[in-house]
C-alpha atoms as a PDB file:
ATOM      1  CA  MET A   1       7.756 -16.545  14.906  1.00  0.00           C
ATOM      2  CA  GLU A   2      10.164 -14.258  16.777  1.00  0.00           C
ATOM      3  CA  LYS A   3      13.888 -14.608  17.299  1.00  0.00           C
ATOM      4  CA  GLU A   4      15.378 -12.706  20.175  1.00  0.00           C
ATOM      5  CA  LYS A   5      19.024 -11.853  20.747  1.00  0.00           C
ATOM      6  CA  GLU A   6      20.835 -10.319  23.693  1.00  0.00           C
ATOM      7  CA  ASN A   7      17.901 -10.662  26.084  1.00  0.00           C
ATOM      8  CA  GLY A   8      15.417  -9.002  23.778  1.00  0.00           C
ATOM      9  CA  ARG A   9      17.551  -5.990  22.796  1.00  0.00           C
ATOM     10  CA  GLU A  10      17.213  -6.989  19.144  1.00  0.00           C
ATOM     11  CA  ALA A  11      14.427  -8.848  17.386  1.00  0.00           C
ATOM     12  CA  ILE A  12      13.375 -10.210  14.010  1.00  0.00           C
ATOM     13  CA  GLU A  13       9.696 -10.862  13.464  1.00  0.00           C
ATOM     14  CA  ASN A  14       8.050 -11.449  10.103  1.00  0.00           C
ATOM     15  CA  ASP A  15       8.920  -8.377   8.017  1.00  0.00           C
ATOM     16  CA  ILE A  16      10.441  -6.229  10.786  1.00  0.00           C
ATOM     17  CA  ILE A  17      14.087  -6.242  11.886  1.00  0.00           C
ATOM     18  CA  GLU A  18      14.856  -4.171  14.980  1.00  0.00           C
ATOM     19  CA  GLY A  19      18.137  -3.282  16.651  1.00  0.00           C
ATOM     20  CA  ARG A  20      21.512  -2.159  15.390  1.00  0.00           C
ATOM     21  CA  ASN A  21      23.351  -5.480  15.328  1.00  0.00           C
ATOM     22  CA  ALA A  22      20.367  -7.313  13.816  1.00  0.00           C
ATOM     23  CA  VAL A  23      20.076  -4.797  10.972  1.00  0.00           C
ATOM     24  CA  ILE A  24      23.846  -4.812  10.358  1.00  0.00           C
ATOM     25  CA  GLU A  25      23.866  -8.603  10.131  1.00  0.00           C
ATOM     26  CA  ALA A  26      20.893  -8.549   7.761  1.00  0.00           C
ATOM     27  CA  LEU A  27      22.788  -6.173   5.471  1.00  0.00           C
ATOM     28  CA  ARG A  28      25.927  -8.291   5.639  1.00  0.00           C
ATOM     29  CA  ALA A  29      23.951 -11.401   4.784  1.00  0.00           C
ATOM     30  CA  GLY A  30      22.465  -9.733   1.714  1.00  0.00           C
ATOM     31  CA  ARG A  31      18.917 -10.053   3.031  1.00  0.00           C
ATOM     32  CA  ALA A  32      16.308  -8.458   0.770  1.00  0.00           C
ATOM     33  CA  ILE A  33      15.487  -5.247   2.644  1.00  0.00           C
ATOM     34  CA  ASP A  34      12.759  -2.937   1.445  1.00  0.00           C
ATOM     35  CA  LYS A  35      13.493   0.151   3.539  1.00  0.00           C
ATOM     36  CA  ILE A  36      15.414   1.209   6.660  1.00  0.00           C
ATOM     37  CA  PHE A  37      14.113   3.785   9.127  1.00  0.00           C
ATOM     38  CA  ILE A  38      16.735   5.575  11.256  1.00  0.00           C
ATOM     39  CA  ALA A  39      16.141   7.950  14.159  1.00  0.00           C
ATOM     40  CA  LYS A  40      16.157  11.546  12.964  1.00  0.00           C
ATOM     41  CA  GLY A  41      18.942  13.685  14.369  1.00  0.00           C
ATOM     42  CA  ASP A  42      20.859  10.785  15.900  1.00  0.00           C
ATOM     43  CA  VAL A  43      24.595  11.189  15.195  1.00  0.00           C
ATOM     44  CA  ASP A  44      25.595   7.775  16.560  1.00  0.00           C
ATOM     45  CA  LYS A  45      28.424   6.279  14.463  1.00  0.00           C
ATOM     46  CA  THR A  46      26.774   2.866  14.293  1.00  0.00           C
ATOM     47  CA  LEU A  47      23.593   4.318  12.816  1.00  0.00           C
ATOM     48  CA  GLY A  48      25.715   6.269  10.346  1.00  0.00           C
ATOM     49  CA  HIS A  49      27.475   3.044   9.335  1.00  0.00           C
ATOM     50  CA  ILE A  50      24.118   1.309   8.849  1.00  0.00           C
ATOM     51  CA  ALA A  51      22.839   4.147   6.660  1.00  0.00           C
ATOM     52  CA  SER A  52      26.012   4.141   4.560  1.00  0.00           C
ATOM     53  CA  LYS A  53      26.013   0.353   4.125  1.00  0.00           C
ATOM     54  CA  ALA A  54      22.322   0.368   3.203  1.00  0.00           C
ATOM     55  CA  ARG A  55      22.727   3.055   0.557  1.00  0.00           C
ATOM     56  CA  GLU A  56      25.671   1.152  -0.952  1.00  0.00           C
ATOM     57  CA  GLN A  57      23.298  -1.786  -1.430  1.00  0.00           C
ATOM     58  CA  GLY A  58      20.584   0.373  -2.957  1.00  0.00           C
ATOM     59  CA  VAL A  59      18.328   0.236   0.097  1.00  0.00           C
ATOM     60  CA  VAL A  60      16.130   3.281   0.746  1.00  0.00           C
ATOM     61  CA  VAL A  61      17.037   4.990   4.050  1.00  0.00           C
ATOM     62  CA  VAL A  62      14.436   7.201   5.721  1.00  0.00           C
ATOM     63  CA  GLU A  63      14.911   9.458   8.733  1.00  0.00           C
ATOM     64  CA  ALA A  64      12.026   9.126  11.193  1.00  0.00           C
ATOM     65  CA  ASP A  65      11.308  10.607  14.598  1.00  0.00           C
ATOM     66  CA  ARG A  66      11.458   8.269  17.555  1.00  0.00           C
ATOM     67  CA  ARG A  67       7.684   8.340  18.048  1.00  0.00           C
ATOM     68  CA  LYS A  68       7.260   6.700  14.641  1.00  0.00           C
ATOM     69  CA  LEU A  69       9.944   4.135  15.448  1.00  0.00           C
ATOM     70  CA  ASP A  70       8.284   3.413  18.789  1.00  0.00           C
ATOM     71  CA  PHE A  71       4.958   2.904  16.992  1.00  0.00           C
ATOM     72  CA  MET A  72       6.512   0.549  14.427  1.00  0.00           C
ATOM     73  CA  SER A  73       8.501  -1.414  17.000  1.00  0.00           C
ATOM     74  CA  ARG A  74       7.250  -4.791  18.187  1.00  0.00           C
ATOM     75  CA  ALA A  75      10.061  -5.669  20.573  1.00  0.00           C
ATOM     76  CA  LYS A  76      10.121  -2.089  21.927  1.00  0.00           C
ATOM     77  CA  ALA A  77      13.913  -2.113  21.704  1.00  0.00           C
ATOM     78  CA  HIS A  78      14.654  -0.685  18.248  1.00  0.00           C
ATOM     79  CA  GLN A  79      17.801   1.247  19.285  1.00  0.00           C
ATOM     80  CA  GLY A  80      17.019   3.912  16.711  1.00  0.00           C
ATOM     81  CA  VAL A  81      16.796   1.648  13.654  1.00  0.00           C
ATOM     82  CA  ILE A  82      14.113  -0.546  12.078  1.00  0.00           C
ATOM     83  CA  ALA A  83      14.335  -2.365   8.746  1.00  0.00           C
ATOM     84  CA  LEU A  84      11.407  -3.579   6.669  1.00  0.00           C
ATOM     85  CA  VAL A  85      12.221  -6.880   4.992  1.00  0.00           C
ATOM     86  CA  ALA A  86      11.090  -7.553   1.441  1.00  0.00           C
ATOM     87  CA  LEU A  87       9.160 -10.775   0.842  1.00  0.00           C
ATOM     88  CA  GLN A  88      11.532 -11.709  -1.962  1.00  0.00           C
ATOM     89  CA  GLU A  89      14.334 -10.316  -4.061  1.00  0.00           C
ATOM     90  CA  TYR A  90      13.384  -7.610  -6.522  1.00  0.00           C
ATOM     91  CA  CYS A  91      14.280  -8.250 -10.134  1.00  0.00           C
ATOM     92  CA  GLU A  92      15.186  -5.970 -13.046  1.00  0.00           C
ATOM     93  CA  ILE A  93      13.053  -4.917 -15.988  1.00  0.00           C
ATOM     94  CA  LYS A  94      15.057  -7.170 -18.284  1.00  0.00           C
ATOM     95  CA  ASP A  95      14.017 -10.123 -16.110  1.00  0.00           C
ATOM     96  CA  ILE A  96      10.337  -9.255 -16.584  1.00  0.00           C
ATOM     97  CA  LEU A  97      10.824  -9.090 -20.340  1.00  0.00           C
ATOM     98  CA  ALA A  98      12.588 -12.446 -20.189  1.00  0.00           C
ATOM     99  CA  VAL A  99       9.454 -13.961 -18.612  1.00  0.00           C
ATOM    100  CA  ALA A 100       7.409 -12.797 -21.609  1.00  0.00           C
ATOM    101  CA  GLN A 101       9.997 -14.240 -23.980  1.00  0.00           C
ATOM    102  CA  GLU A 102       9.961 -17.579 -22.185  1.00  0.00           C
ATOM    103  CA  ARG A 103       6.171 -17.723 -22.533  1.00  0.00           C
ATOM    104  CA  ASN A 104       6.398 -16.646 -26.179  1.00  0.00           C
ATOM    105  CA  GLU A 105       3.926 -13.826 -25.477  1.00  0.00           C
ATOM    106  CA  PRO A 106       3.961 -10.075 -26.203  1.00  0.00           C
ATOM    107  CA  PRO A 107       5.160  -8.355 -23.016  1.00  0.00           C
ATOM    108  CA  PHE A 108       2.480  -7.155 -20.614  1.00  0.00           C
ATOM    109  CA  VAL A 109       3.973  -5.080 -17.789  1.00  0.00           C
ATOM    110  CA  ILE A 110       2.219  -3.180 -14.992  1.00  0.00           C
ATOM    111  CA  VAL A 111       3.912   0.035 -13.865  1.00  0.00           C
ATOM    112  CA  CYS A 112       2.804   1.506 -10.524  1.00  0.00           C
ATOM    113  CA  ASP A 113       3.465   5.235 -10.233  1.00  0.00           C
ATOM    114  CA  GLU A 114       3.716   5.884  -6.468  1.00  0.00           C
ATOM    115  CA  ILE A 115       1.048   3.505  -5.152  1.00  0.00           C
ATOM    116  CA  SER A 116       1.516   4.182  -1.438  1.00  0.00           C
ATOM    117  CA  ASP A 117      -1.213   1.991   0.088  1.00  0.00           C
ATOM    118  CA  PRO A 118       0.160  -1.554   0.561  1.00  0.00           C
ATOM    119  CA  HIS A 119      -3.350  -3.003   0.253  1.00  0.00           C
ATOM    120  CA  ASN A 120      -3.769  -1.339  -3.145  1.00  0.00           C
ATOM    121  CA  LEU A 121      -0.366  -2.556  -4.317  1.00  0.00           C
ATOM    122  CA  GLY A 122      -1.163  -6.078  -3.125  1.00  0.00           C
ATOM    123  CA  ALA A 123      -4.503  -6.019  -4.948  1.00  0.00           C
ATOM    124  CA  ILE A 124      -2.819  -4.789  -8.146  1.00  0.00           C
ATOM    125  CA  ILE A 125      -0.231  -7.579  -7.963  1.00  0.00           C
ATOM    126  CA  ARG A 126      -3.040 -10.102  -7.431  1.00  0.00           C
ATOM    127  CA  SER A 127      -4.906  -8.866 -10.509  1.00  0.00           C
ATOM    128  CA  ALA A 128      -1.684  -8.802 -12.529  1.00  0.00           C
ATOM    129  CA  GLU A 129      -0.987 -12.433 -11.697  1.00  0.00           C
ATOM    130  CA  CYS A 130      -4.565 -13.460 -12.489  1.00  0.00           C
ATOM    131  CA  VAL A 131      -4.518 -11.897 -15.972  1.00  0.00           C
ATOM    132  CA  GLY A 132      -1.103 -13.315 -16.832  1.00  0.00           C
ATOM    133  CA  ALA A 133       0.945 -10.110 -16.723  1.00  0.00           C
ATOM    134  CA  HIS A 134       4.663 -10.755 -16.863  1.00  0.00           C
ATOM    135  CA  GLY A 135       5.737  -8.399 -14.105  1.00  0.00           C
ATOM    136  CA  VAL A 136       5.150  -5.284 -12.027  1.00  0.00           C
ATOM    137  CA  VAL A 137       7.397  -2.228 -11.751  1.00  0.00           C
ATOM    138  CA  ILE A 138       7.397  -0.018  -8.638  1.00  0.00           C
ATOM    139  CA  PRO A 139       9.530   2.982  -7.606  1.00  0.00           C
ATOM    140  CA  LYS A 140      11.943   2.917  -4.678  1.00  0.00           C
ATOM    141  CA  ARG A 141      10.526   6.069  -3.073  1.00  0.00           C
ATOM    142  CA  ARG A 142       7.018   7.308  -2.323  1.00  0.00           C
ATOM    143  CA  SER A 143       5.644   3.829  -2.842  1.00  0.00           C
ATOM    144  CA  ALA A 144       4.684   0.776  -0.870  1.00  0.00           C
ATOM    145  CA  GLY A 145       7.292  -1.957  -1.095  1.00  0.00           C
ATOM    146  CA  LEU A 146       7.092  -5.721  -1.207  1.00  0.00           C
ATOM    147  CA  THR A 147       6.340  -6.185   2.506  1.00  0.00           C
ATOM    148  CA  ALA A 148       4.314  -8.786   4.384  1.00  0.00           C
ATOM    149  CA  ILE A 149       1.204  -6.580   4.234  1.00  0.00           C
ATOM    150  CA  VAL A 150       1.477  -6.390   0.451  1.00  0.00           C
ATOM    151  CA  GLY A 151       2.030 -10.134   0.272  1.00  0.00           C
ATOM    152  CA  LYS A 152      -1.089 -10.801   2.314  1.00  0.00           C
ATOM    153  CA  ALA A 153      -3.162  -8.331   0.282  1.00  0.00           C
ATOM    154  CA  SER A 154      -1.993 -10.074  -2.904  1.00  0.00           C
ATOM    155  CA  ALA A 155      -3.370 -13.383  -1.557  1.00  0.00           C
ATOM    156  CA  GLY A 156      -0.035 -15.021  -2.335  1.00  0.00           C
ATOM    157  CA  ALA A 157       0.243 -13.683  -5.891  1.00  0.00           C
ATOM    158  CA  ALA A 158       3.424 -11.781  -5.014  1.00  0.00           C
ATOM    159  CA  GLU A 159       5.192 -15.136  -4.703  1.00  0.00           C
ATOM    160  CA  TYR A 160       4.623 -15.789  -8.417  1.00  0.00           C
ATOM    161  CA  MET A 161       5.079 -12.297  -9.840  1.00  0.00           C
ATOM    162  CA  ALA A 162       8.334 -10.748 -11.051  1.00  0.00           C
ATOM    163  CA  ILE A 163       8.587  -7.346  -9.376  1.00  0.00           C
ATOM    164  CA  ALA A 164      11.188  -4.766 -10.354  1.00  0.00           C
ATOM    165  CA  ARG A 165      12.013  -1.803  -8.128  1.00  0.00           C
ATOM    166  CA  VAL A 166      13.460   1.212  -9.921  1.00  0.00           C
ATOM    167  CA  ALA A 167      14.928   4.572  -8.934  1.00  0.00           C
ATOM    168  CA  ASN A 168      12.924   6.487 -11.532  1.00  0.00           C
ATOM    169  CA  ILE A 169       9.629   5.520 -13.189  1.00  0.00           C
ATOM    170  CA  SER A 170      10.145   7.811 -16.193  1.00  0.00           C
ATOM    171  CA  ALA A 171      13.510   6.165 -16.874  1.00  0.00           C
ATOM    172  CA  ALA A 172      11.881   2.740 -16.512  1.00  0.00           C
ATOM    173  CA  ILE A 173       9.243   3.709 -19.066  1.00  0.00           C
ATOM    174  CA  LYS A 174      11.986   4.807 -21.448  1.00  0.00           C
ATOM    175  CA  GLU A 175      13.645   1.405 -21.029  1.00  0.00           C
ATOM    176  CA  LEU A 176      10.363  -0.362 -21.767  1.00  0.00           C
ATOM    177  CA  LYS A 177       9.820   1.756 -24.873  1.00  0.00           C
ATOM    178  CA  GLU A 178      13.311   0.937 -26.112  1.00  0.00           C
ATOM    179  CA  ALA A 179      12.363  -2.724 -25.721  1.00  0.00           C
ATOM    180  CA  GLY A 180       9.445  -2.184 -28.093  1.00  0.00           C
ATOM    181  CA  LEU A 181       6.553  -1.739 -25.659  1.00  0.00           C
ATOM    182  CA  TRP A 182       3.761   0.795 -26.080  1.00  0.00           C
ATOM    183  CA  VAL A 183       2.952   2.651 -22.859  1.00  0.00           C
ATOM    184  CA  TYR A 184      -0.635   3.224 -21.790  1.00  0.00           C
ATOM    185  CA  GLY A 185      -1.489   5.424 -18.821  1.00  0.00           C
ATOM    186  CA  THR A 186      -4.850   5.626 -17.066  1.00  0.00           C
ATOM    187  CA  ALA A 187      -6.674   8.844 -16.123  1.00  0.00           C
ATOM    188  CA  ALA A 188     -10.245  10.095 -15.834  1.00  0.00           C
ATOM    189  CA  ASP A 189      -9.641  12.576 -18.666  1.00  0.00           C
ATOM    190  CA  GLY A 190      -7.758  10.173 -20.922  1.00  0.00           C
ATOM    191  CA  ALA A 191      -8.252  10.722 -24.647  1.00  0.00           C
ATOM    192  CA  SER A 192      -8.354   7.007 -25.536  1.00  0.00           C
ATOM    193  CA  GLY A 193     -11.414   4.978 -24.576  1.00  0.00           C
ATOM    194  CA  LEU A 194     -10.636   1.676 -22.876  1.00  0.00           C
ATOM    195  CA  TRP A 195     -13.025  -0.321 -25.037  1.00  0.00           C
ATOM    196  CA  THR A 196     -11.947   1.238 -28.336  1.00  0.00           C
ATOM    197  CA  THR A 197      -8.151   1.090 -27.949  1.00  0.00           C
ATOM    198  CA  ASP A 198      -6.070  -1.785 -29.291  1.00  0.00           C
ATOM    199  CA  LEU A 199      -4.294  -3.389 -26.326  1.00  0.00           C
ATOM    200  CA  THR A 200      -3.115  -6.588 -27.997  1.00  0.00           C
ATOM    201  CA  GLY A 201       0.535  -5.739 -28.648  1.00  0.00           C
ATOM    202  CA  PRO A 202       3.510  -5.434 -26.294  1.00  0.00           C
ATOM    203  CA  ILE A 203       2.350  -2.980 -23.637  1.00  0.00           C
ATOM    204  CA  ALA A 204       3.151  -1.376 -20.316  1.00  0.00           C
ATOM    205  CA  LEU A 205       0.127  -0.243 -18.331  1.00  0.00           C
ATOM    206  CA  VAL A 206       0.769   2.655 -15.923  1.00  0.00           C
ATOM    207  CA  ILE A 207      -1.372   2.968 -12.781  1.00  0.00           C
ATOM    208  CA  GLY A 208      -1.229   6.357 -11.054  1.00  0.00           C
ATOM    209  CA  SER A 209      -1.186   7.048  -7.329  1.00  0.00           C
ATOM    210  CA  GLU A 210      -4.324   6.925  -5.199  1.00  0.00           C
ATOM    211  CA  GLY A 211      -4.675  10.670  -4.744  1.00  0.00           C
ATOM    212  CA  ASP A 212      -3.010  12.462  -7.646  1.00  0.00           C
ATOM    213  CA  GLY A 213      -2.913   9.856 -10.389  1.00  0.00           C
ATOM    214  CA  MET A 214       0.098   9.799 -12.688  1.00  0.00           C
ATOM    215  CA  SER A 215       2.765  12.440 -12.177  1.00  0.00           C
ATOM    216  CA  ARG A 216       3.183  14.991 -14.957  1.00  0.00           C
ATOM    217  CA  LEU A 217       6.450  13.545 -16.289  1.00  0.00           C
ATOM    218  CA  VAL A 218       5.099  10.010 -16.260  1.00  0.00           C
ATOM    219  CA  ARG A 219       1.934  11.057 -18.073  1.00  0.00           C
ATOM    220  CA  GLU A 220       3.977  12.855 -20.716  1.00  0.00           C
ATOM    221  CA  SER A 221       5.975   9.656 -21.202  1.00  0.00           C
ATOM    222  CA  CYS A 222       2.868   7.637 -22.089  1.00  0.00           C
ATOM    223  CA  ASP A 223       1.987   6.939 -25.714  1.00  0.00           C
ATOM    224  CA  PHE A 224      -1.723   6.821 -24.873  1.00  0.00           C
ATOM    225  CA  VAL A 225      -3.833   7.766 -21.846  1.00  0.00           C
ATOM    226  CA  LEU A 226      -6.859   5.529 -21.335  1.00  0.00           C
ATOM    227  CA  SER A 227     -10.155   6.544 -19.772  1.00  0.00           C
ATOM    228  CA  LEU A 228     -12.635   4.110 -18.241  1.00  0.00           C
ATOM    229  CA  PRO A 229     -16.354   4.454 -19.052  1.00  0.00           C
ATOM    230  CA  MET A 230     -18.172   5.931 -16.038  1.00  0.00           C
ATOM    231  CA  LYS A 231     -21.965   5.961 -15.687  1.00  0.00           C
ATOM    232  CA  GLY A 232     -22.380   6.951 -12.048  1.00  0.00           C
ATOM    233  CA  LYS A 233     -21.986  10.282 -10.266  1.00  0.00           C
ATOM    234  CA  LEU A 234     -18.356   9.653  -9.359  1.00  0.00           C
ATOM    235  CA  ASN A 235     -15.709  10.134 -12.023  1.00  0.00           C
ATOM    236  CA  SER A 236     -13.073   7.638 -10.931  1.00  0.00           C
ATOM    237  CA  LEU A 237     -12.398   4.248  -9.351  1.00  0.00           C
ATOM    238  CA  ASN A 238     -10.011   3.234  -6.612  1.00  0.00           C
ATOM    239  CA  ALA A 239      -6.511   2.703  -8.076  1.00  0.00           C
ATOM    240  CA  SER A 240      -6.552  -1.078  -7.652  1.00  0.00           C
ATOM    241  CA  ALA A 241     -10.103  -1.359  -9.032  1.00  0.00           C
ATOM    242  CA  ALA A 242      -9.229   0.729 -12.084  1.00  0.00           C
ATOM    243  CA  ALA A 243      -6.126  -1.385 -12.582  1.00  0.00           C
ATOM    244  CA  ALA A 244      -8.136  -4.618 -12.432  1.00  0.00           C
ATOM    245  CA  VAL A 245     -10.753  -3.394 -14.926  1.00  0.00           C
ATOM    246  CA  THR A 246      -8.080  -2.244 -17.372  1.00  0.00           C
ATOM    247  CA  MET A 247      -5.988  -5.409 -17.031  1.00  0.00           C
ATOM    248  CA  TYR A 248      -8.991  -7.580 -17.758  1.00  0.00           C
ATOM    249  CA  GLU A 249      -9.754  -5.596 -20.897  1.00  0.00           C
ATOM    250  CA  VAL A 250      -6.197  -6.363 -22.015  1.00  0.00           C
ATOM    251  CA  LEU A 251      -6.797 -10.052 -21.267  1.00  0.00           C
ATOM    252  CA  ARG A 252     -10.144 -10.003 -23.107  1.00  0.00           C
ATOM    253  CA  GLN A 253      -8.628  -8.494 -26.250  1.00  0.00           C
ATOM    254  CA  ARG A 254      -5.663 -10.857 -26.216  1.00  0.00           C
ATOM    255  CA  SER A 255      -7.954 -13.837 -25.739  1.00  0.00           C
ATOM    256  CA  ILE A 256      -9.921 -12.874 -28.849  1.00  0.00           C
ATOM    257  CA  VAL A 257      -6.714 -12.551 -30.888  1.00  0.00           C
ATOM    258  CA  VAL A 258      -5.453 -15.960 -29.699  1.00  0.00           C
ATOM    259  CA  SER A 259      -8.778 -17.712 -30.326  1.00  0.00           C
END
């Protein structure tokens, strides 16, 4: 469904908000906004006000050339600004831990370190919901956000999953450790075998980016780095596939303990 204002100069459609007044009103209303793209090099005062207001609310602001904005635009009247709307409000890490407490279960948190493909992030959220994870943590920058594409790729799982968005993944890991969680990363050269590592306690599972895996600082923050058994000629799985395999091993071990 599309709402048009001022004869089509501004539009809201699904997860896209176009036009200066439309974006300003969305910010004033406290709408959950994932990211705002503003025309690079434009010194218009209204765009400057939008950028300032967005940053005050913790919204990521990205400068983009007009060709990118034209490509993203659906109404073809973006006026130099396009906002991506989040499917739902992001929560905080403490809210994810509260979910585990409510279920009387050891916390099981998925941490995504710069997963940029929205289809991968959606698939990871879907797997997390299916195995009973209590929440997913994503970074504000260099990561896909909770957009309509992610929601569709998650097959609706995003509606049921607590998702926290943080400024710094390493700081988030520190917070999880202080809450008593053990942190397990995943990498092809990990020293801990997936099938031989105890995953039954309170854990955070870190999934690295599609191309480079975990960043150096994030890897150094992990208590253990898991490796998946590989029998073929390739030495790694797609990020969402590796995440699903690892999450189900956590579920398998926890099911044995419970039974």
